[in-house]
N, C-alpha and C. Protein backbone atom coordinates (compact mmCIF):
# COMPACT_ATOMS: atom_id res chain seq x y z
N MET A 1 -8.51 27.74 11.85
CA MET A 1 -8.73 25.94 11.81
C MET A 1 -9.78 25.59 12.59
N LYS A 2 -10.67 25.14 12.12
CA LYS A 2 -11.45 24.06 13.09
C LYS A 2 -10.87 22.83 13.65
N SER A 3 -11.42 22.45 14.55
CA SER A 3 -10.71 21.24 15.24
C SER A 3 -12.22 20.50 16.00
N GLU A 4 -12.44 19.20 16.18
CA GLU A 4 -13.34 18.53 16.74
C GLU A 4 -12.67 17.65 17.44
N ASP A 5 -13.55 17.52 19.01
CA ASP A 5 -12.79 16.52 19.73
C ASP A 5 -13.19 15.08 19.32
N THR A 6 -12.34 14.28 19.20
CA THR A 6 -12.07 12.92 18.74
C THR A 6 -11.81 11.98 19.71
N PRO A 7 -12.66 10.91 19.99
CA PRO A 7 -12.13 10.08 20.95
C PRO A 7 -10.85 8.97 20.53
N PHE A 8 -10.24 8.29 21.22
CA PHE A 8 -8.73 7.23 20.31
C PHE A 8 -9.59 6.06 21.23
N GLU A 9 -9.68 5.03 20.99
CA GLU A 9 -9.92 3.60 21.22
C GLU A 9 -8.87 2.84 20.90
N GLY A 10 -8.14 1.84 21.79
CA GLY A 10 -7.06 0.98 21.97
C GLY A 10 -5.79 1.56 21.79
N GLY A 11 -4.94 0.91 21.94
CA GLY A 11 -3.28 1.26 22.33
C GLY A 11 -3.19 2.12 23.50
N PRO A 12 -2.01 2.92 23.54
CA PRO A 12 -1.61 3.88 24.65
C PRO A 12 -2.39 5.18 24.81
N MET A 13 -3.24 5.49 23.67
CA MET A 13 -4.41 6.45 23.98
C MET A 13 -5.72 6.28 24.51
N ASP A 14 -5.75 4.99 24.48
CA ASP A 14 -7.32 4.54 24.67
C ASP A 14 -8.08 5.16 25.87
N GLY A 15 -9.09 5.84 25.49
CA GLY A 15 -10.10 6.98 26.28
C GLY A 15 -9.66 8.25 26.50
N ARG A 16 -8.63 8.82 25.54
CA ARG A 16 -8.09 9.77 25.81
C ARG A 16 -9.33 10.47 24.34
N VAL A 17 -9.45 11.83 24.67
CA VAL A 17 -10.44 12.52 23.86
C VAL A 17 -9.47 13.49 23.36
N LEU A 18 -9.13 13.98 22.11
CA LEU A 18 -8.09 14.79 21.55
C LEU A 18 -8.75 15.69 20.56
N PRO A 19 -8.47 17.18 20.51
CA PRO A 19 -8.95 18.15 19.54
C PRO A 19 -7.82 17.61 18.12
N VAL A 20 -8.71 17.47 17.35
CA VAL A 20 -8.05 17.04 15.71
C VAL A 20 -8.61 17.72 14.89
N LEU A 21 -7.86 18.75 14.18
CA LEU A 21 -7.93 19.58 13.20
C LEU A 21 -8.67 18.79 11.92
N VAL A 22 -9.93 19.45 11.35
CA VAL A 22 -10.59 18.96 10.46
C VAL A 22 -10.15 19.81 8.81
N GLY A 23 -10.52 19.31 7.73
CA GLY A 23 -9.99 19.64 6.69
C GLY A 23 -11.09 20.56 5.88
N MET A 24 -11.37 21.01 4.85
CA MET A 24 -12.35 21.48 4.38
C MET A 24 -13.62 21.14 4.37
N THR A 25 -13.57 19.81 4.13
CA THR A 25 -14.79 19.11 4.08
C THR A 25 -15.25 18.92 5.13
N GLY A 26 -14.55 19.30 6.44
CA GLY A 26 -15.14 18.81 7.96
C GLY A 26 -14.94 17.62 8.47
N HIS A 27 -13.94 16.89 7.77
CA HIS A 27 -13.77 15.55 7.89
C HIS A 27 -12.16 15.51 8.60
N PRO A 28 -11.99 14.94 9.88
CA PRO A 28 -10.41 14.70 10.39
C PRO A 28 -9.42 13.70 9.39
N PRO A 29 -8.31 13.80 9.38
CA PRO A 29 -8.00 12.84 8.33
C PRO A 29 -8.21 11.29 8.55
N LYS A 30 -7.78 10.57 7.58
CA LYS A 30 -8.26 9.20 7.46
C LYS A 30 -7.15 8.47 8.56
N THR A 31 -5.83 8.77 8.95
CA THR A 31 -4.76 8.19 9.63
C THR A 31 -4.49 9.30 10.38
N TYR A 32 -4.21 9.09 11.90
CA TYR A 32 -3.69 10.00 12.36
C TYR A 32 -2.22 9.12 13.04
N ARG A 33 -1.24 9.86 12.82
CA ARG A 33 -0.08 9.23 13.37
C ARG A 33 0.55 10.24 14.63
N ILE A 34 1.13 9.51 15.60
CA ILE A 34 1.66 10.09 17.00
C ILE A 34 3.05 9.84 17.12
N PRO A 35 3.82 10.64 17.07
CA PRO A 35 5.20 9.98 17.17
C PRO A 35 5.65 10.17 18.81
N VAL A 36 6.25 9.26 19.40
CA VAL A 36 6.45 9.38 20.68
C VAL A 36 8.07 8.94 20.90
N PRO A 37 8.47 10.29 21.39
CA PRO A 37 10.00 9.90 21.26
C PRO A 37 10.66 9.02 22.43
N ALA A 38 11.22 8.32 21.99
CA ALA A 38 12.23 7.35 22.88
C ALA A 38 13.14 7.84 23.80
N PRO A 39 12.94 7.19 24.86
CA PRO A 39 13.61 7.60 26.24
C PRO A 39 15.16 7.60 26.23
N ASP A 40 15.74 6.75 25.41
CA ASP A 40 17.13 6.71 25.50
C ASP A 40 17.80 7.80 24.18
N GLY A 41 16.90 8.48 23.48
CA GLY A 41 17.08 9.56 22.48
C GLY A 41 17.40 8.68 21.16
N GLY A 42 16.52 7.68 20.67
CA GLY A 42 16.81 6.79 19.57
C GLY A 42 15.82 7.65 18.61
N PRO A 43 15.38 6.90 17.37
CA PRO A 43 14.06 6.96 16.76
C PRO A 43 13.04 7.13 17.25
N PRO A 44 12.11 7.63 17.35
CA PRO A 44 10.48 7.80 17.52
C PRO A 44 9.82 6.77 17.47
N THR A 45 9.12 6.44 18.29
CA THR A 45 8.00 5.33 18.03
C THR A 45 6.75 6.23 16.91
N VAL A 46 6.19 5.65 16.40
CA VAL A 46 5.07 6.33 15.68
C VAL A 46 3.83 5.56 16.00
N LEU A 47 2.82 5.86 16.60
CA LEU A 47 1.36 5.10 16.90
C LEU A 47 0.59 5.64 15.74
N VAL A 48 0.01 4.65 15.12
CA VAL A 48 -1.00 4.82 14.07
C VAL A 48 -2.48 4.49 14.54
N TYR A 49 -3.28 5.33 14.38
CA TYR A 49 -4.62 5.20 14.22
C TYR A 49 -5.27 5.39 13.18
N ARG A 50 -6.70 4.64 13.00
CA ARG A 50 -7.55 4.80 12.05
C ARG A 50 -8.79 5.31 11.89
N ARG A 51 -9.30 6.62 11.26
CA ARG A 51 -10.50 6.82 11.26
C ARG A 51 -11.50 5.87 11.08
N LEU A 52 -12.57 5.70 11.92
CA LEU A 52 -13.89 4.72 11.48
C LEU A 52 -15.04 5.83 12.42
N PRO A 53 -16.26 5.35 11.62
CA PRO A 53 -17.43 6.00 12.25
C PRO A 53 -17.58 5.58 13.67
N ARG A 54 -17.89 6.52 14.32
CA ARG A 54 -18.41 6.60 15.63
C ARG A 54 -19.52 5.51 16.01
N ASP A 55 -20.87 5.76 15.23
CA ASP A 55 -21.98 5.23 15.33
C ASP A 55 -22.16 4.91 13.62
N PRO A 56 -22.07 3.46 13.29
CA PRO A 56 -21.99 3.24 12.35
C PRO A 56 -23.35 2.79 11.54
N GLN A 57 -24.45 2.59 12.31
CA GLN A 57 -25.83 2.76 12.01
C GLN A 57 -26.52 4.17 11.86
N ARG A 58 -25.74 5.20 12.31
CA ARG A 58 -26.42 6.38 11.95
C ARG A 58 -26.35 6.75 10.54
N THR A 59 -27.62 6.88 9.89
CA THR A 59 -27.29 7.38 8.45
C THR A 59 -27.34 8.93 8.01
N LEU A 60 -28.31 9.45 9.09
CA LEU A 60 -28.82 10.97 8.74
C LEU A 60 -27.79 11.90 9.43
N GLY A 61 -27.88 13.13 9.37
CA GLY A 61 -26.95 14.07 9.55
C GLY A 61 -25.51 13.85 9.50
N PHE A 62 -24.69 14.58 10.27
CA PHE A 62 -22.94 14.58 10.16
C PHE A 62 -22.56 13.28 10.50
N ALA A 63 -21.48 12.88 10.05
CA ALA A 63 -20.83 11.77 10.40
C ALA A 63 -20.07 11.95 11.56
N ARG A 64 -19.61 11.69 12.81
CA ARG A 64 -18.93 11.76 13.65
C ARG A 64 -17.97 10.46 13.72
N TRP A 65 -16.47 10.78 14.29
CA TRP A 65 -15.53 9.80 13.63
C TRP A 65 -15.08 9.80 15.23
N LYS A 66 -14.46 8.56 15.25
CA LYS A 66 -13.40 8.37 16.46
C LYS A 66 -12.34 7.40 15.84
N TYR A 67 -10.94 7.50 16.54
CA TYR A 67 -10.08 6.75 16.01
C TYR A 67 -9.75 5.72 16.76
N ALA A 68 -9.32 4.38 16.01
CA ALA A 68 -8.74 3.14 16.78
C ALA A 68 -7.64 2.77 16.27
N TYR A 69 -7.04 2.10 17.50
CA TYR A 69 -5.36 1.65 17.32
C TYR A 69 -5.20 0.61 16.09
N ALA A 70 -4.37 1.08 14.95
CA ALA A 70 -4.04 0.08 14.41
C ALA A 70 -2.50 -0.17 14.59
N PRO A 71 -1.95 -1.30 15.41
CA PRO A 71 -1.03 -1.83 15.67
C PRO A 71 0.16 -2.03 14.38
N GLY A 72 -0.55 -2.45 13.47
CA GLY A 72 0.53 -3.03 12.22
C GLY A 72 0.71 -1.68 11.48
N GLY A 73 -0.06 -0.61 11.65
CA GLY A 73 0.23 0.44 10.96
C GLY A 73 -0.72 0.22 9.65
N VAL A 74 -0.83 1.19 8.93
CA VAL A 74 -2.06 1.57 7.65
C VAL A 74 -1.09 1.23 6.69
N PRO A 75 -1.23 0.34 5.78
CA PRO A 75 -0.72 0.79 4.24
C PRO A 75 -0.98 1.74 3.52
N ARG A 76 0.25 2.36 3.09
CA ARG A 76 -0.26 3.27 1.71
C ARG A 76 -0.84 3.07 0.72
N SER A 77 -1.82 3.94 0.59
CA SER A 77 -2.45 3.35 -0.82
C SER A 77 -2.01 4.67 -1.86
N ARG A 78 -2.23 4.35 -2.92
CA ARG A 78 -1.92 5.29 -4.02
C ARG A 78 -3.20 5.96 -4.50
N ALA A 79 -3.38 6.79 -5.54
CA ALA A 79 -4.55 7.33 -6.02
C ALA A 79 -5.41 6.43 -7.15
N ARG A 80 -6.33 6.35 -6.94
CA ARG A 80 -7.27 5.23 -8.02
C ARG A 80 -7.85 6.35 -8.54
N TRP A 81 -7.42 6.06 -9.90
CA TRP A 81 -7.96 6.90 -11.19
C TRP A 81 -8.50 5.73 -11.79
N PRO A 82 -9.51 6.09 -12.28
CA PRO A 82 -10.21 5.07 -13.37
C PRO A 82 -9.65 4.72 -14.49
N TRP A 83 -8.48 5.31 -14.67
CA TRP A 83 -7.26 4.69 -15.98
C TRP A 83 -6.50 4.11 -15.42
N SER A 84 -6.27 4.25 -13.98
CA SER A 84 -5.04 3.40 -13.31
C SER A 84 -4.89 1.80 -13.56
N LYS A 85 -3.58 1.21 -14.11
CA LYS A 85 -3.61 -0.02 -13.81
C LYS A 85 -4.08 -0.59 -12.36
N PRO A 86 -4.53 -1.85 -12.31
CA PRO A 86 -5.08 -2.68 -11.13
C PRO A 86 -3.59 -3.02 -10.33
N ASP A 87 -3.48 -3.07 -9.05
CA ASP A 87 -1.97 -3.59 -8.50
C ASP A 87 -1.85 -4.99 -9.24
N PRO A 88 -0.54 -5.18 -9.44
CA PRO A 88 -0.09 -6.80 -9.64
C PRO A 88 -0.48 -7.63 -8.63
N LYS A 89 -0.75 -8.71 -8.90
CA LYS A 89 -1.37 -9.91 -7.71
C LYS A 89 -0.26 -10.69 -7.98
N PRO A 90 0.39 -11.19 -6.79
CA PRO A 90 1.97 -11.76 -6.63
C PRO A 90 1.29 -13.28 -6.91
N ASP A 91 2.08 -13.95 -7.97
CA ASP A 91 1.92 -15.47 -8.44
C ASP A 91 2.03 -16.01 -7.29
N PRO A 92 1.38 -17.08 -6.83
CA PRO A 92 1.12 -17.69 -5.48
C PRO A 92 1.94 -19.28 -5.86
N ASP A 93 2.73 -19.47 -6.83
CA ASP A 93 3.25 -20.57 -7.22
C ASP A 93 4.00 -20.01 -8.37
N PRO A 94 5.32 -19.46 -8.21
CA PRO A 94 6.29 -19.02 -9.37
C PRO A 94 6.96 -20.37 -9.74
N LYS A 95 6.86 -20.22 -10.90
CA LYS A 95 7.59 -21.48 -11.70
C LYS A 95 8.79 -20.96 -12.24
N PRO A 96 10.12 -21.68 -12.04
CA PRO A 96 11.17 -21.61 -12.47
C PRO A 96 11.30 -20.94 -14.12
N ASP A 97 12.17 -20.48 -14.73
CA ASP A 97 12.39 -19.94 -16.09
C ASP A 97 12.84 -21.25 -16.55
N PRO A 98 12.61 -21.67 -17.84
CA PRO A 98 13.09 -22.78 -18.48
C PRO A 98 14.15 -22.50 -18.94
N ALA A 99 15.38 -23.26 -19.41
CA ALA A 99 16.76 -23.17 -19.38
C ALA A 99 16.75 -22.92 -20.96
N PRO A 100 17.41 -22.06 -21.56
CA PRO A 100 17.71 -21.51 -22.98
C PRO A 100 17.87 -22.63 -23.77
N ARG A 101 16.95 -22.90 -24.77
CA ARG A 101 17.43 -23.99 -26.09
C ARG A 101 18.49 -23.58 -26.76
N ALA A 102 19.33 -24.78 -27.50
CA ALA A 102 20.01 -24.46 -28.30
C ALA A 102 19.32 -24.35 -29.81
N ASP A 103 19.63 -23.50 -30.61
CA ASP A 103 19.34 -23.31 -31.85
C ASP A 103 19.70 -24.87 -32.42
N PRO A 104 18.82 -25.42 -33.15
CA PRO A 104 19.12 -26.51 -33.95
C PRO A 104 19.82 -26.43 -35.34
N ARG A 105 19.94 -25.40 -35.71
CA ARG A 105 19.93 -24.83 -37.13
C ARG A 105 21.50 -24.60 -36.98
N PRO A 106 22.24 -24.76 -38.32
CA PRO A 106 23.58 -24.99 -38.46
C PRO A 106 23.87 -23.37 -38.51
N GLY A 107 24.81 -22.86 -37.64
CA GLY A 107 25.40 -21.38 -37.53
C GLY A 107 24.52 -20.94 -36.40
N GLY A 108 23.76 -21.63 -35.66
CA GLY A 108 22.71 -20.91 -34.84
C GLY A 108 23.31 -20.49 -33.54
N THR A 109 22.98 -20.05 -32.48
CA THR A 109 23.58 -19.55 -31.47
C THR A 109 24.06 -20.69 -30.41
N ARG A 110 24.66 -20.51 -29.74
CA ARG A 110 25.28 -21.34 -28.79
C ARG A 110 24.65 -21.43 -27.66
N PRO A 111 24.27 -22.27 -26.73
CA PRO A 111 23.46 -22.82 -25.82
C PRO A 111 23.86 -21.55 -24.50
N GLY A 112 22.56 -21.01 -24.03
CA GLY A 112 22.58 -19.52 -23.26
C GLY A 112 22.79 -18.44 -23.78
N ALA A 113 22.59 -18.15 -25.03
CA ALA A 113 23.22 -17.16 -25.48
C ALA A 113 21.64 -15.98 -25.82
N PRO A 114 21.97 -14.93 -25.35
CA PRO A 114 20.56 -14.19 -25.99
C PRO A 114 20.11 -14.24 -27.20
N ASP A 115 18.99 -14.22 -27.48
CA ASP A 115 18.48 -14.25 -28.91
C ASP A 115 17.42 -13.14 -28.96
N ALA A 116 17.68 -12.48 -30.24
CA ALA A 116 16.49 -11.44 -30.39
C ALA A 116 15.19 -12.16 -30.89
N THR A 117 15.08 -12.98 -31.50
CA THR A 117 14.04 -14.04 -32.12
C THR A 117 13.50 -15.00 -30.53
N PRO A 118 12.15 -14.78 -30.32
CA PRO A 118 12.14 -15.58 -29.05
C PRO A 118 11.68 -17.01 -29.47
N GLY A 119 11.90 -18.21 -28.69
CA GLY A 119 11.81 -19.48 -28.94
C GLY A 119 12.44 -20.15 -30.49
N GLY A 120 13.68 -19.04 -31.27
CA GLY A 120 14.76 -19.61 -31.74
C GLY A 120 13.94 -19.71 -33.42
N GLU A 121 12.55 -18.84 -33.42
CA GLU A 121 11.80 -19.01 -34.77
C GLU A 121 13.23 -17.95 -35.53
N ARG A 122 12.54 -18.67 -37.05
CA ARG A 122 12.98 -17.53 -38.05
C ARG A 122 12.65 -16.41 -38.11
N ASP A 123 13.39 -15.57 -38.72
CA ASP A 123 12.99 -14.18 -39.08
C ASP A 123 13.56 -13.77 -40.19
N ASP A 124 13.69 -12.13 -40.77
CA ASP A 124 13.82 -11.82 -41.95
C ASP A 124 15.43 -11.77 -42.03
N ALA A 125 15.92 -11.69 -41.00
CA ALA A 125 17.59 -11.61 -41.17
C ALA A 125 18.21 -13.09 -40.98
N ASP A 126 17.32 -14.07 -41.12
CA ASP A 126 18.11 -15.27 -41.11
C ASP A 126 18.28 -15.76 -42.53
N GLY A 127 17.71 -15.00 -43.65
CA GLY A 127 18.05 -15.24 -44.70
C GLY A 127 17.16 -16.31 -45.57
């Protein structure tokens, strides 16, 4: 396996350079997670670093990378395929559901009972 010496910025690893394994494309992973064991034997703390270009103005040649500390972690993303549905956006002002209406027809459903026909409209089963 091939590795590349990659600098780390921010967090507890600030200023250190570690050899990071690169993939088949020659790029290191997008996120680098470092588990740090707890001194009291509890669950380990995980330090998360994001991959960034070392020199963003450099356009020619191979990309060189560095890792920057991400204290809040990096949100996991799912595969983005052209046929995938977009992520649902949360409603900023959710409105409560209206109370179910009683059916004004004789022999209608009781208030609050589920009805197969939305809005209490007539259907073929009503005769």
